[in-house]
C-alpha cells in the first residue's frame, strides 16, 4: 500500500474520532475497521504518521465513554472474538479500567498483562 493512501486513512480516522457523534453506526464500524487495517500496516508508517495516529488514538481514548454510550445499542462492545490488541473494539474495558492503552509506548495493559502492539 502506498504511503499516501495510509496518510489519507489516518486523516479520515482522525476526522471520525474528533467529529461530533452524529454518524450512523455503520460509519463508526468502518472507522474501527480502518483502525484495524492501520494496525496491520503499522510497520509501514513513517514516524510522522505514527505520531499522528497516536494523537488520534488519544482522542478516541479520551472520548471512550462517549463513543461507548452512543454505540451501545449496536452491541459491538465486549465481543470476545476480537483480539484485545484491537483495543478500539473494547472501549468498555477502557472505561472500567481493565484495559490501559499506553499510546506513546504502543502498548496495552490488560488486567496486568502488558502487550506490545506490533500487529501484523
PDB file of N, CA and C in Angstrom:
ATOM      1  N   UNK A   1       0.845  -1.190   0.000  1.00  0.00           N
ATOM      2  CA  UNK A   1       0.000   0.000   0.000  1.00  0.00           C
ATOM      3  C   UNK A   1       0.884   1.245   0.000  1.00  0.00           C
ATOM      4  N   UNK A   2       0.493   2.226  -0.759  1.00  0.00           N
ATOM      5  CA  UNK A   2       1.254   3.473  -0.863  1.00  0.00           C
ATOM      6  C   UNK A   2       1.115   4.294   0.412  1.00  0.00           C
ATOM      7  N   UNK A   3       2.192   4.984   0.761  1.00  0.00           N
ATOM      8  CA  UNK A   3       2.165   5.767   1.997  1.00  0.00           C
ATOM      9  C   UNK A   3       1.134   6.891   1.924  1.00  0.00           C
ATOM     10  N   UNK A   4       0.870   7.410   0.716  1.00  0.00           N
ATOM     11  CA  UNK A   4      -0.150   8.465   0.579  1.00  0.00           C
ATOM     12  C   UNK A   4      -1.534   7.931   0.958  1.00  0.00           C
ATOM     13  N   UNK A   5      -1.799   6.695   0.582  1.00  0.00           N
ATOM     14  CA  UNK A   5      -3.082   6.072   0.929  1.00  0.00           C
ATOM     15  C   UNK A   5      -3.191   5.886   2.441  1.00  0.00           C
ATOM     16  N   UNK A   6      -2.099   5.462   3.064  1.00  0.00           N
ATOM     17  CA  UNK A   6      -2.098   5.289   4.522  1.00  0.00           C
ATOM     18  C   UNK A   6      -2.305   6.630   5.217  1.00  0.00           C
ATOM     19  N   UNK A   7      -1.662   7.684   4.710  1.00  0.00           N
ATOM     20  CA  UNK A   7      -1.830   9.030   5.278  1.00  0.00           C
ATOM     21  C   UNK A   7      -3.294   9.458   5.211  1.00  0.00           C
ATOM     22  N   UNK A   8      -3.931   9.144   4.087  1.00  0.00           N
ATOM     23  CA  UNK A   8      -5.341   9.506   3.913  1.00  0.00           C
ATOM     24  C   UNK A   8      -6.223   8.734   4.907  1.00  0.00           C
ATOM     25  N   UNK A   9      -5.929   7.456   5.096  1.00  0.00           N
ATOM     26  CA  UNK A   9      -6.693   6.651   6.055  1.00  0.00           C
ATOM     27  C   UNK A   9      -6.535   7.199   7.471  1.00  0.00           C
ATOM     28  N   UNK A  10      -5.315   7.604   7.822  1.00  0.00           N
ATOM     29  CA  UNK A  10      -5.078   8.178   9.152  1.00  0.00           C
ATOM     30  C   UNK A  10      -5.864   9.476   9.302  1.00  0.00           C
ATOM     31  N   UNK A  11      -5.837  10.294   8.257  1.00  0.00           N
ATOM     32  CA  UNK A  11      -6.574  11.565   8.290  1.00  0.00           C
ATOM     33  C   UNK A  11      -8.073  11.312   8.481  1.00  0.00           C
ATOM     34  N   UNK A  12      -8.616  10.362   7.726  1.00  0.00           N
ATOM     35  CA  UNK A  12     -10.045  10.039   7.837  1.00  0.00           C
ATOM     36  C   UNK A  12     -10.392   9.491   9.221  1.00  0.00           C
ATOM     37  N   UNK A  13      -9.524   8.652   9.759  1.00  0.00           N
ATOM     38  CA  UNK A  13      -9.710   8.126  11.119  1.00  0.00           C
ATOM     39  C   UNK A  13      -9.760   9.292  12.103  1.00  0.00           C
ATOM     40  N   UNK A  14      -8.848  10.232  11.933  1.00  0.00           N
ATOM     41  CA  UNK A  14      -8.802  11.402  12.809  1.00  0.00           C
ATOM     42  C   UNK A  14     -10.065  12.230  12.741  1.00  0.00           C
ATOM     43  N   UNK A  15     -10.561  12.446  11.535  1.00  0.00           N
ATOM     44  CA  UNK A  15     -11.804  13.206  11.368  1.00  0.00           C
ATOM     45  C   UNK A  15     -12.930  12.503  12.113  1.00  0.00           C
ATOM     46  N   UNK A  16     -12.997  11.185  11.960  1.00  0.00           N
ATOM     47  CA  UNK A  16     -14.079  10.415  12.589  1.00  0.00           C
ATOM     48  C   UNK A  16     -14.024  10.454  14.112  1.00  0.00           C
ATOM     49  N   UNK A  17     -12.827  10.389  14.695  1.00  0.00           N
ATOM     50  CA  UNK A  17     -12.756  10.361  16.163  1.00  0.00           C
ATOM     51  C   UNK A  17     -12.878  11.753  16.767  1.00  0.00           C
ATOM     52  N   UNK A  18     -12.598  12.789  15.982  1.00  0.00           N
ATOM     53  CA  UNK A  18     -12.702  14.153  16.506  1.00  0.00           C
ATOM     54  C   UNK A  18     -14.077  14.774  16.287  1.00  0.00           C
ATOM     55  N   UNK A  19     -14.822  14.268  15.310  1.00  0.00           N
ATOM     56  CA  UNK A  19     -16.123  14.843  14.957  1.00  0.00           C
ATOM     57  C   UNK A  19     -17.191  14.602  16.013  1.00  0.00           C
ATOM     58  N   UNK A  20     -18.277  15.367  15.861  1.00  0.00           N
ATOM     59  CA  UNK A  20     -19.472  15.123  16.669  1.00  0.00           C
ATOM     60  C   UNK A  20     -19.985  13.722  16.347  1.00  0.00           C
ATOM     61  N   UNK A  21     -20.569  13.082  17.342  1.00  0.00           N
ATOM     62  CA  UNK A  21     -21.104  11.731  17.121  1.00  0.00           C
ATOM     63  C   UNK A  21     -22.520  11.821  16.562  1.00  0.00           C
ATOM     64  N   UNK A  22     -22.599  12.097  15.281  1.00  0.00           N
ATOM     65  CA  UNK A  22     -23.908  12.110  14.632  1.00  0.00           C
ATOM     66  C   UNK A  22     -23.897  11.204  13.405  1.00  0.00           C
ATOM     67  N   UNK A  23     -22.925  10.309  13.380  1.00  0.00           N
ATOM     68  CA  UNK A  23     -22.792   9.396  12.246  1.00  0.00           C
ATOM     69  C   UNK A  23     -23.605   8.126  12.486  1.00  0.00           C
ATOM     70  N   UNK A  24     -23.813   7.395  11.412  1.00  0.00           N
ATOM     71  CA  UNK A  24     -24.531   6.132  11.553  1.00  0.00           C
ATOM     72  C   UNK A  24     -23.594   5.104  12.184  1.00  0.00           C
ATOM     73  N   UNK A  25     -24.167   4.118  12.834  1.00  0.00           N
ATOM     74  CA  UNK A  25     -23.365   3.045  13.427  1.00  0.00           C
ATOM     75  C   UNK A  25     -22.462   2.357  12.406  1.00  0.00           C
ATOM     76  N   UNK A  26     -22.929   2.277  11.167  1.00  0.00           N
ATOM     77  CA  UNK A  26     -22.136   1.614  10.134  1.00  0.00           C
ATOM     78  C   UNK A  26     -20.858   2.390   9.846  1.00  0.00           C
ATOM     79  N   UNK A  27     -20.951   3.716   9.915  1.00  0.00           N
ATOM     80  CA  UNK A  27     -19.769   4.545   9.671  1.00  0.00           C
ATOM     81  C   UNK A  27     -18.715   4.328  10.745  1.00  0.00           C
ATOM     82  N   UNK A  28     -19.140   4.223  11.994  1.00  0.00           N
ATOM     83  CA  UNK A  28     -18.148   4.052  13.057  1.00  0.00           C
ATOM     84  C   UNK A  28     -17.549   2.646  12.997  1.00  0.00           C
ATOM     85  N   UNK A  29     -18.338   1.671  12.596  1.00  0.00           N
ATOM     86  CA  UNK A  29     -17.796   0.321  12.416  1.00  0.00           C
ATOM     87  C   UNK A  29     -16.730   0.356  11.316  1.00  0.00           C
ATOM     88  N   UNK A  30     -16.986   1.141  10.266  1.00  0.00           N
ATOM     89  CA  UNK A  30     -15.996   1.305   9.193  1.00  0.00           C
ATOM     90  C   UNK A  30     -14.739   1.985   9.737  1.00  0.00           C
ATOM     91  N   UNK A  31     -14.936   3.003  10.581  1.00  0.00           N
ATOM     92  CA  UNK A  31     -13.807   3.707  11.203  1.00  0.00           C
ATOM     93  C   UNK A  31     -12.940   2.734  11.986  1.00  0.00           C
ATOM     94  N   UNK A  32     -13.568   1.864  12.773  1.00  0.00           N
ATOM     95  CA  UNK A  32     -12.813   0.914  13.590  1.00  0.00           C
ATOM     96  C   UNK A  32     -12.133  -0.146  12.729  1.00  0.00           C
ATOM     97  N   UNK A  33     -12.765  -0.517  11.612  1.00  0.00           N
ATOM     98  CA  UNK A  33     -12.114  -1.454  10.690  1.00  0.00           C
ATOM     99  C   UNK A  33     -10.912  -0.788  10.012  1.00  0.00           C
ATOM    100  N   UNK A  34     -11.046   0.514   9.738  1.00  0.00           N
ATOM    101  CA  UNK A  34      -9.913   1.273   9.192  1.00  0.00           C
ATOM    102  C   UNK A  34      -8.761   1.262  10.185  1.00  0.00           C
ATOM    103  N   UNK A  35      -9.083   1.453  11.475  1.00  0.00           N
ATOM    104  CA  UNK A  35      -8.042   1.461  12.511  1.00  0.00           C
ATOM    105  C   UNK A  35      -7.375   0.087  12.599  1.00  0.00           C
ATOM    106  N   UNK A  36      -8.175  -0.949  12.410  1.00  0.00           N
ATOM    107  CA  UNK A  36      -7.648  -2.319  12.406  1.00  0.00           C
ATOM    108  C   UNK A  36      -6.651  -2.489  11.251  1.00  0.00           C
ATOM    109  N   UNK A  37      -7.030  -1.999  10.083  1.00  0.00           N
ATOM    110  CA  UNK A  37      -6.153  -2.064   8.912  1.00  0.00           C
ATOM    111  C   UNK A  37      -4.848  -1.312   9.179  1.00  0.00           C
ATOM    112  N   UNK A  38      -4.958  -0.124   9.787  1.00  0.00           N
ATOM    113  CA  UNK A  38      -3.760   0.667  10.099  1.00  0.00           C
ATOM    114  C   UNK A  38      -2.858  -0.072  11.091  1.00  0.00           C
ATOM    115  N   UNK A  39      -3.460  -0.800  12.016  1.00  0.00           N
ATOM    116  CA  UNK A  39      -2.668  -1.596  12.967  1.00  0.00           C
ATOM    117  C   UNK A  39      -1.854  -2.651  12.223  1.00  0.00           C
ATOM    118  N   UNK A  40      -2.475  -3.258  11.228  1.00  0.00           N
ATOM    119  CA  UNK A  40      -1.787  -4.297  10.456  1.00  0.00           C
ATOM    120  C   UNK A  40      -0.686  -3.718   9.570  1.00  0.00           C
ATOM    121  N   UNK A  41      -0.812  -2.443   9.230  1.00  0.00           N
ATOM    122  CA  UNK A  41       0.177  -1.766   8.374  1.00  0.00           C
ATOM    123  C   UNK A  41       1.150  -0.917   9.193  1.00  0.00           C
ATOM    124  N   UNK A  42       1.100  -1.039  10.514  1.00  0.00           N
ATOM    125  CA  UNK A  42       1.823  -0.125  11.407  1.00  0.00           C
ATOM    126  C   UNK A  42       3.306   0.018  11.071  1.00  0.00           C
ATOM    127  N   UNK A  43       3.956  -1.079  10.753  1.00  0.00           N
ATOM    128  CA  UNK A  43       5.398  -1.039  10.473  1.00  0.00           C
ATOM    129  C   UNK A  43       5.719  -0.250   9.204  1.00  0.00           C
ATOM    130  N   UNK A  44       4.735  -0.053   8.348  1.00  0.00           N
ATOM    131  CA  UNK A  44       4.949   0.712   7.111  1.00  0.00           C
ATOM    132  C   UNK A  44       4.800   2.213   7.321  1.00  0.00           C
ATOM    133  N   UNK A  45       4.277   2.616   8.477  1.00  0.00           N
ATOM    134  CA  UNK A  45       4.065   4.040   8.735  1.00  0.00           C
ATOM    135  C   UNK A  45       5.384   4.717   9.085  1.00  0.00           C
ATOM    136  N   UNK A  46       5.553   5.940   8.590  1.00  0.00           N
ATOM    137  CA  UNK A  46       6.740   6.693   8.992  1.00  0.00           C
ATOM    138  C   UNK A  46       6.490   7.310  10.370  1.00  0.00           C
ATOM    139  N   UNK A  47       7.519   7.898  10.954  1.00  0.00           N
ATOM    140  CA  UNK A  47       7.396   8.380  12.339  1.00  0.00           C
ATOM    141  C   UNK A  47       6.334   9.470  12.466  1.00  0.00           C
ATOM    142  N   UNK A  48       6.189  10.299  11.446  1.00  0.00           N
ATOM    143  CA  UNK A  48       5.166  11.351  11.469  1.00  0.00           C
ATOM    144  C   UNK A  48       3.764  10.743  11.496  1.00  0.00           C
ATOM    145  N   UNK A  49       3.549   9.729  10.657  1.00  0.00           N
ATOM    146  CA  UNK A  49       2.247   9.054  10.615  1.00  0.00           C
ATOM    147  C   UNK A  49       1.950   8.343  11.935  1.00  0.00           C
ATOM    148  N   UNK A  50       2.974   7.724  12.521  1.00  0.00           N
ATOM    149  CA  UNK A  50       2.790   7.049  13.813  1.00  0.00           C
ATOM    150  C   UNK A  50       2.395   8.053  14.892  1.00  0.00           C
ATOM    151  N   UNK A  51       3.016   9.232  14.865  1.00  0.00           N
ATOM    152  CA  UNK A  51       2.666  10.275  15.843  1.00  0.00           C
ATOM    153  C   UNK A  51       1.240  10.754  15.642  1.00  0.00           C
ATOM    154  N   UNK A  52       0.859  10.940  14.389  1.00  0.00           N
ATOM    155  CA  UNK A  52      -0.496  11.403  14.083  1.00  0.00           C
ATOM    156  C   UNK A  52      -1.521  10.357  14.527  1.00  0.00           C
ATOM    157  N   UNK A  53      -1.241   9.100  14.233  1.00  0.00           N
ATOM    158  CA  UNK A  53      -2.137   8.015  14.632  1.00  0.00           C
ATOM    159  C   UNK A  53      -2.236   7.953  16.157  1.00  0.00           C
ATOM    160  N   UNK A  54      -1.114   8.098  16.840  1.00  0.00           N
ATOM    161  CA  UNK A  54      -1.104   8.087  18.308  1.00  0.00           C
ATOM    162  C   UNK A  54      -1.954   9.228  18.860  1.00  0.00           C
ATOM    163  N   UNK A  55      -1.859  10.390  18.238  1.00  0.00           N
ATOM    164  CA  UNK A  55      -2.664  11.534  18.685  1.00  0.00           C
ATOM    165  C   UNK A  55      -4.156  11.213  18.556  1.00  0.00           C
ATOM    166  N   UNK A  56      -4.563  10.687  17.404  1.00  0.00           N
ATOM    167  CA  UNK A  56      -5.981  10.373  17.200  1.00  0.00           C
ATOM    168  C   UNK A  56      -6.448   9.252  18.124  1.00  0.00           C
ATOM    169  N   UNK A  57      -5.560   8.303  18.399  1.00  0.00           N
ATOM    170  CA  UNK A  57      -5.896   7.255  19.368  1.00  0.00           C
ATOM    171  C   UNK A  57      -6.155   7.873  20.741  1.00  0.00           C
ATOM    172  N   UNK A  58      -5.333   8.857  21.115  1.00  0.00           N
ATOM    173  CA  UNK A  58      -5.512   9.541  22.396  1.00  0.00           C
ATOM    174  C   UNK A  58      -6.868  10.236  22.443  1.00  0.00           C
ATOM    175  N   UNK A  59      -7.253  10.835  21.318  1.00  0.00           N
ATOM    176  CA  UNK A  59      -8.564  11.489  21.229  1.00  0.00           C
ATOM    177  C   UNK A  59      -9.669  10.459  21.455  1.00  0.00           C
ATOM    178  N   UNK A  60      -9.576   9.322  20.764  1.00  0.00           N
ATOM    179  CA  UNK A  60     -10.597   8.278  20.916  1.00  0.00           C
ATOM    180  C   UNK A  60     -10.657   7.783  22.360  1.00  0.00           C
ATOM    181  N   UNK A  61      -9.508   7.547  22.964  1.00  0.00           N
ATOM    182  CA  UNK A  61      -9.479   7.066  24.349  1.00  0.00           C
ATOM    183  C   UNK A  61     -10.123   8.090  25.283  1.00  0.00           C
ATOM    184  N   UNK A  62      -9.848   9.367  25.044  1.00  0.00           N
ATOM    185  CA  UNK A  62     -10.426  10.410  25.900  1.00  0.00           C
ATOM    186  C   UNK A  62     -11.941  10.498  25.729  1.00  0.00           C
ATOM    187  N   UNK A  63     -12.440  10.002  24.612  1.00  0.00           N
ATOM    188  CA  UNK A  63     -13.886  10.022  24.335  1.00  0.00           C
ATOM    189  C   UNK A  63     -14.505   8.628  24.454  1.00  0.00           C
ATOM    190  N   UNK A  64     -13.791   7.699  25.077  1.00  0.00           N
ATOM    191  CA  UNK A  64     -14.232   6.297  25.136  1.00  0.00           C
ATOM    192  C   UNK A  64     -15.663   6.167  25.643  1.00  0.00           C
ATOM    193  N   UNK A  65     -15.977   6.853  26.744  1.00  0.00           N
ATOM    194  CA  UNK A  65     -17.322   6.730  27.323  1.00  0.00           C
ATOM    195  C   UNK A  65     -18.382   7.265  26.367  1.00  0.00           C
ATOM    196  N   UNK A  66     -18.072   8.383  25.727  1.00  0.00           N
ATOM    197  CA  UNK A  66     -18.997   8.992  24.766  1.00  0.00           C
ATOM    198  C   UNK A  66     -19.275   8.043  23.596  1.00  0.00           C
ATOM    199  N   UNK A  67     -18.221   7.463  23.034  1.00  0.00           N
ATOM    200  CA  UNK A  67     -18.379   6.512  21.930  1.00  0.00           C
ATOM    201  C   UNK A  67     -19.131   5.269  22.400  1.00  0.00           C
ATOM    202  N   UNK A  68     -18.753   4.777  23.572  1.00  0.00           N
ATOM    203  CA  UNK A  68     -19.391   3.577  24.110  1.00  0.00           C
ATOM    204  C   UNK A  68     -20.895   3.782  24.260  1.00  0.00           C
ATOM    205  N   UNK A  69     -21.285   4.886  24.893  1.00  0.00           N
ATOM    206  CA  UNK A  69     -22.712   5.158  25.124  1.00  0.00           C
ATOM    207  C   UNK A  69     -23.463   5.335  23.806  1.00  0.00           C
ATOM    208  N   UNK A  70     -22.854   6.050  22.884  1.00  0.00           N
ATOM    209  CA  UNK A  70     -23.515   6.352  21.613  1.00  0.00           C
ATOM    210  C   UNK A  70     -23.798   5.077  20.816  1.00  0.00           C
ATOM    211  N   UNK A  71     -22.850   4.148  20.851  1.00  0.00           N
ATOM    212  CA  UNK A  71     -22.992   2.940  20.039  1.00  0.00           C
ATOM    213  C   UNK A  71     -23.418   1.712  20.836  1.00  0.00           C
ATOM    214  N   UNK A  72     -23.792   1.926  22.090  1.00  0.00           N
ATOM    215  CA  UNK A  72     -24.219   0.816  22.953  1.00  0.00           C
ATOM    216  C   UNK A  72     -25.347  -0.020  22.328  1.00  0.00           C
ATOM    217  N   UNK A  73     -26.350   0.619  21.706  1.00  0.00           N
ATOM    218  CA  UNK A  73     -27.434  -0.179  21.117  1.00  0.00           C
ATOM    219  C   UNK A  73     -26.967  -1.183  20.060  1.00  0.00           C
ATOM    220  N   UNK A  74     -25.811  -0.939  19.471  1.00  0.00           N
ATOM    221  CA  UNK A  74     -25.291  -1.843  18.439  1.00  0.00           C
ATOM    222  C   UNK A  74     -24.795  -3.166  18.990  1.00  0.00           C
ATOM    223  N   UNK A  75     -24.478  -3.160  20.288  1.00  0.00           N
ATOM    224  CA  UNK A  75     -23.911  -4.348  20.932  1.00  0.00           C
ATOM    225  C   UNK A  75     -22.600  -4.785  20.257  1.00  0.00           C
ATOM    226  N   UNK A  76     -21.787  -3.805  19.837  1.00  0.00           N
ATOM    227  CA  UNK A  76     -20.490  -4.149  19.236  1.00  0.00           C
ATOM    228  C   UNK A  76     -19.422  -4.307  20.305  1.00  0.00           C
ATOM    229  N   UNK A  77     -19.725  -3.882  21.517  1.00  0.00           N
ATOM    230  CA  UNK A  77     -18.730  -3.928  22.591  1.00  0.00           C
ATOM    231  C   UNK A  77     -18.716  -5.299  23.257  1.00  0.00           C
ATOM    232  N   UNK A  78     -17.571  -5.662  23.760  1.00  0.00           N
ATOM    233  CA  UNK A  78     -17.457  -6.888  24.540  1.00  0.00           C
ATOM    234  C   UNK A  78     -17.424  -8.160  23.722  1.00  0.00           C
ATOM    235  N   UNK A  79     -17.151  -8.046  22.432  1.00  0.00           N
ATOM    236  CA  UNK A  79     -17.057  -9.237  21.591  1.00  0.00           C
ATOM    237  C   UNK A  79     -15.731  -9.935  21.883  1.00  0.00           C
ATOM    238  N   UNK A  80     -15.820 -11.087  22.508  1.00  0.00           N
ATOM    239  CA  UNK A  80     -14.601 -11.789  22.920  1.00  0.00           C
ATOM    240  C   UNK A  80     -13.819 -12.358  21.733  1.00  0.00           C
ATOM    241  N   UNK A  81     -14.428 -12.372  20.551  1.00  0.00           N
ATOM    242  CA  UNK A  81     -13.725 -12.871  19.367  1.00  0.00           C
ATOM    243  C   UNK A  81     -12.708 -11.872  18.823  1.00  0.00           C
ATOM    244  N   UNK A  82     -12.856 -10.603  19.213  1.00  0.00           N
ATOM    245  CA  UNK A  82     -11.943  -9.566  18.728  1.00  0.00           C
ATOM    246  C   UNK A  82     -10.726  -9.523  19.645  1.00  0.00           C
ATOM    247  N   UNK A  83      -9.518  -9.678  19.097  1.00  0.00           N
ATOM    248  CA  UNK A  83      -8.315  -9.652  19.943  1.00  0.00           C
ATOM    249  C   UNK A  83      -8.220  -8.360  20.751  1.00  0.00           C
ATOM    250  N   UNK A  84      -7.721  -8.446  21.958  1.00  0.00           N
ATOM    251  CA  UNK A  84      -7.593  -7.288  22.844  1.00  0.00           C
ATOM    252  C   UNK A  84      -6.645  -6.250  22.243  1.00  0.00           C
ATOM    253  N   UNK A  85      -5.738  -6.694  21.368  1.00  0.00           N
ATOM    254  CA  UNK A  85      -4.822  -5.764  20.692  1.00  0.00           C
ATOM    255  C   UNK A  85      -5.581  -4.728  19.870  1.00  0.00           C
ATOM    256  N   UNK A  86      -6.765  -5.101  19.417  1.00  0.00           N
ATOM    257  CA  UNK A  86      -7.633  -4.146  18.715  1.00  0.00           C
ATOM    258  C   UNK A  86      -8.496  -3.452  19.762  1.00  0.00           C
ATOM    259  N   UNK A  87      -7.834  -2.678  20.592  1.00  0.00           N
ATOM    260  CA  UNK A  87      -8.450  -2.093  21.787  1.00  0.00           C
ATOM    261  C   UNK A  87      -9.647  -1.190  21.491  1.00  0.00           C
ATOM    262  N   UNK A  88      -9.717  -0.600  20.307  1.00  0.00           N
ATOM    263  CA  UNK A  88     -10.823   0.310  19.962  1.00  0.00           C
ATOM    264  C   UNK A  88     -12.163  -0.399  19.937  1.00  0.00           C
ATOM    265  N   UNK A  89     -12.151  -1.725  19.798  1.00  0.00           N
ATOM    266  CA  UNK A  89     -13.394  -2.501  19.877  1.00  0.00           C
ATOM    267  C   UNK A  89     -13.742  -2.840  21.329  1.00  0.00           C
ATOM    268  N   UNK A  90     -12.890  -2.468  22.270  1.00  0.00           N
ATOM    269  CA  UNK A  90     -13.061  -2.830  23.679  1.00  0.00           C
ATOM    270  C   UNK A  90     -13.130  -1.587  24.571  1.00  0.00           C
ATOM    271  N   UNK A  91     -13.827  -0.569  24.118  1.00  0.00           N
ATOM    272  CA  UNK A  91     -13.881   0.685  24.882  1.00  0.00           C
ATOM    273  C   UNK A  91     -14.488   0.489  26.266  1.00  0.00           C
ATOM    274  N   UNK A  92     -15.379  -0.491  26.401  1.00  0.00           N
ATOM    275  CA  UNK A  92     -15.988  -0.734  27.720  1.00  0.00           C
ATOM    276  C   UNK A  92     -14.933  -1.151  28.741  1.00  0.00           C
ATOM    277  N   UNK A  93     -13.908  -1.862  28.295  1.00  0.00           N
ATOM    278  CA  UNK A  93     -12.826  -2.283  29.202  1.00  0.00           C
ATOM    279  C   UNK A  93     -11.942  -1.093  29.589  1.00  0.00           C
ATOM    280  N   UNK A  94     -11.795  -0.141  28.671  1.00  0.00           N
ATOM    281  CA  UNK A  94     -11.050   1.085  28.979  1.00  0.00           C
ATOM    282  C   UNK A  94     -11.807   1.885  30.034  1.00  0.00           C
ATOM    283  N   UNK A  95     -13.110   2.008  29.852  1.00  0.00           N
ATOM    284  CA  UNK A  95     -13.950   2.754  30.800  1.00  0.00           C
ATOM    285  C   UNK A  95     -13.879   2.128  32.191  1.00  0.00           C
ATOM    286  N   UNK A  96     -13.902   0.799  32.247  1.00  0.00           N
ATOM    287  CA  UNK A  96     -13.860   0.085  33.533  1.00  0.00           C
ATOM    288  C   UNK A  96     -12.465   0.071  34.160  1.00  0.00           C
ATOM    289  N   UNK A  97     -11.467   0.491  33.398  1.00  0.00           N
ATOM    290  CA  UNK A  97     -10.093   0.500  33.908  1.00  0.00           C
ATOM    291  C   UNK A  97      -9.394  -0.844  33.799  1.00  0.00           C
ATOM    292  N   UNK A  98     -10.030  -1.808  33.130  1.00  0.00           N
ATOM    293  CA  UNK A  98      -9.410  -3.132  32.946  1.00  0.00           C
ATOM    294  C   UNK A  98      -8.330  -3.089  31.873  1.00  0.00           C
ATOM    295  N   UNK A  99      -8.478  -2.140  30.965  1.00  0.00           N
ATOM    296  CA  UNK A  99      -7.581  -2.029  29.820  1.00  0.00           C
ATOM    297  C   UNK A  99      -7.003  -0.622  29.782  1.00  0.00           C
ATOM    298  N   UNK A 100      -5.688  -0.547  29.826  1.00  0.00           N
ATOM    299  CA  UNK A 100      -4.998   0.739  29.754  1.00  0.00           C
ATOM    300  C   UNK A 100      -4.185   0.742  28.465  1.00  0.00           C
ATOM    301  N   UNK A 101      -4.428   1.745  27.644  1.00  0.00           N
ATOM    302  CA  UNK A 101      -3.699   1.867  26.386  1.00  0.00           C
ATOM    303  C   UNK A 101      -2.604   2.908  26.570  1.00  0.00           C
ATOM    304  N   UNK A 102      -1.366   2.455  26.441  1.00  0.00           N
ATOM    305  CA  UNK A 102      -0.197   3.346  26.535  1.00  0.00           C
ATOM    306  C   UNK A 102       0.162   3.760  25.110  1.00  0.00           C
ATOM    307  N   UNK A 103      -0.506   4.803  24.635  1.00  0.00           N
ATOM    308  CA  UNK A 103      -0.372   5.202  23.239  1.00  0.00           C
ATOM    309  C   UNK A 103       1.075   5.501  22.865  1.00  0.00           C
ATOM    310  N   UNK A 104       1.765   6.272  23.690  1.00  0.00           N
ATOM    311  CA  UNK A 104       3.139   6.669  23.358  1.00  0.00           C
ATOM    312  C   UNK A 104       4.094   5.472  23.287  1.00  0.00           C
ATOM    313  N   UNK A 105       3.837   4.460  24.105  1.00  0.00           N
ATOM    314  CA  UNK A 105       4.686   3.256  24.107  1.00  0.00           C
ATOM    315  C   UNK A 105       4.201   2.211  23.104  1.00  0.00           C
ATOM    316  N   UNK A 106       3.001   2.441  22.545  1.00  0.00           N
ATOM    317  CA  UNK A 106       2.368   1.472  21.653  1.00  0.00           C
ATOM    318  C   UNK A 106       2.193   0.128  22.367  1.00  0.00           C
ATOM    319  N   UNK A 107       1.692   0.210  23.598  1.00  0.00           N
ATOM    320  CA  UNK A 107       1.448  -0.974  24.430  1.00  0.00           C
ATOM    321  C   UNK A 107       0.059  -0.895  25.042  1.00  0.00           C
ATOM    322  N   UNK A 108      -0.440  -2.064  25.418  1.00  0.00           N
ATOM    323  CA  UNK A 108      -1.661  -2.119  26.216  1.00  0.00           C
ATOM    324  C   UNK A 108      -1.374  -2.906  27.486  1.00  0.00           C
ATOM    325  N   UNK A 109      -2.101  -2.565  28.519  1.00  0.00           N
ATOM    326  CA  UNK A 109      -2.025  -3.284  29.789  1.00  0.00           C
ATOM    327  C   UNK A 109      -3.441  -3.765  30.066  1.00  0.00           C
ATOM    328  N   UNK A 110      -3.654  -5.063  29.881  1.00  0.00           N
ATOM    329  CA  UNK A 110      -4.978  -5.649  30.106  1.00  0.00           C
ATOM    330  C   UNK A 110      -4.914  -6.536  31.334  1.00  0.00           C
ATOM    331  N   UNK A 111      -5.537  -6.056  32.398  1.00  0.00           N
ATOM    332  CA  UNK A 111      -5.566  -6.781  33.673  1.00  0.00           C
ATOM    333  C   UNK A 111      -4.163  -7.195  34.126  1.00  0.00           C
ATOM    334  N   UNK A 112      -3.197  -6.291  33.961  1.00  0.00           N
ATOM    335  CA  UNK A 112      -1.832  -6.547  34.414  1.00  0.00           C
ATOM    336  C   UNK A 112      -0.910  -7.181  33.394  1.00  0.00           C
ATOM    337  N   UNK A 113      -1.467  -7.640  32.279  1.00  0.00           N
ATOM    338  CA  UNK A 113      -0.638  -8.223  31.220  1.00  0.00           C
ATOM    339  C   UNK A 113      -0.302  -7.159  30.188  1.00  0.00           C
ATOM    340  N   UNK A 114       0.984  -6.879  30.044  1.00  0.00           N
ATOM    341  CA  UNK A 114       1.414  -5.849  29.107  1.00  0.00           C
ATOM    342  C   UNK A 114       1.749  -6.482  27.762  1.00  0.00           C
ATOM    343  N   UNK A 115       1.182  -5.916  26.709  1.00  0.00           N
ATOM    344  CA  UNK A 115       1.399  -6.411  25.356  1.00  0.00           C
ATOM    345  C   UNK A 115       1.869  -5.268  24.478  1.00  0.00           C
ATOM    346  N   UNK A 116       2.984  -5.493  23.799  1.00  0.00           N
ATOM    347  CA  UNK A 116       3.470  -4.511  22.825  1.00  0.00           C
ATOM    348  C   UNK A 116       2.648  -4.686  21.555  1.00  0.00           C
ATOM    349  N   UNK A 117       2.181  -3.575  21.001  1.00  0.00           N
ATOM    350  CA  UNK A 117       1.321  -3.649  19.826  1.00  0.00           C
ATOM    351  C   UNK A 117       2.146  -3.645  18.542  1.00  0.00           C
ATOM    352  N   UNK A 118       2.552  -4.815  18.149  1.00  0.00           N
ATOM    353  CA  UNK A 118       3.233  -4.989  16.865  1.00  0.00           C
ATOM    354  C   UNK A 118       2.396  -5.968  16.069  1.00  0.00           C
ATOM    355  N   UNK A 119       1.252  -5.493  15.651  1.00  0.00           N
ATOM    356  CA  UNK A 119       0.279  -6.342  14.973  1.00  0.00           C
ATOM    357  C   UNK A 119       0.636  -6.436  13.498  1.00  0.00           C
ATOM    358  N   UNK A 120       0.639  -7.635  13.004  1.00  0.00           N
ATOM    359  CA  UNK A 120       0.929  -7.838  11.575  1.00  0.00           C
ATOM    360  C   UNK A 120      -0.356  -8.152  10.849  1.00  0.00           C
TER     361      UNK A 120
END
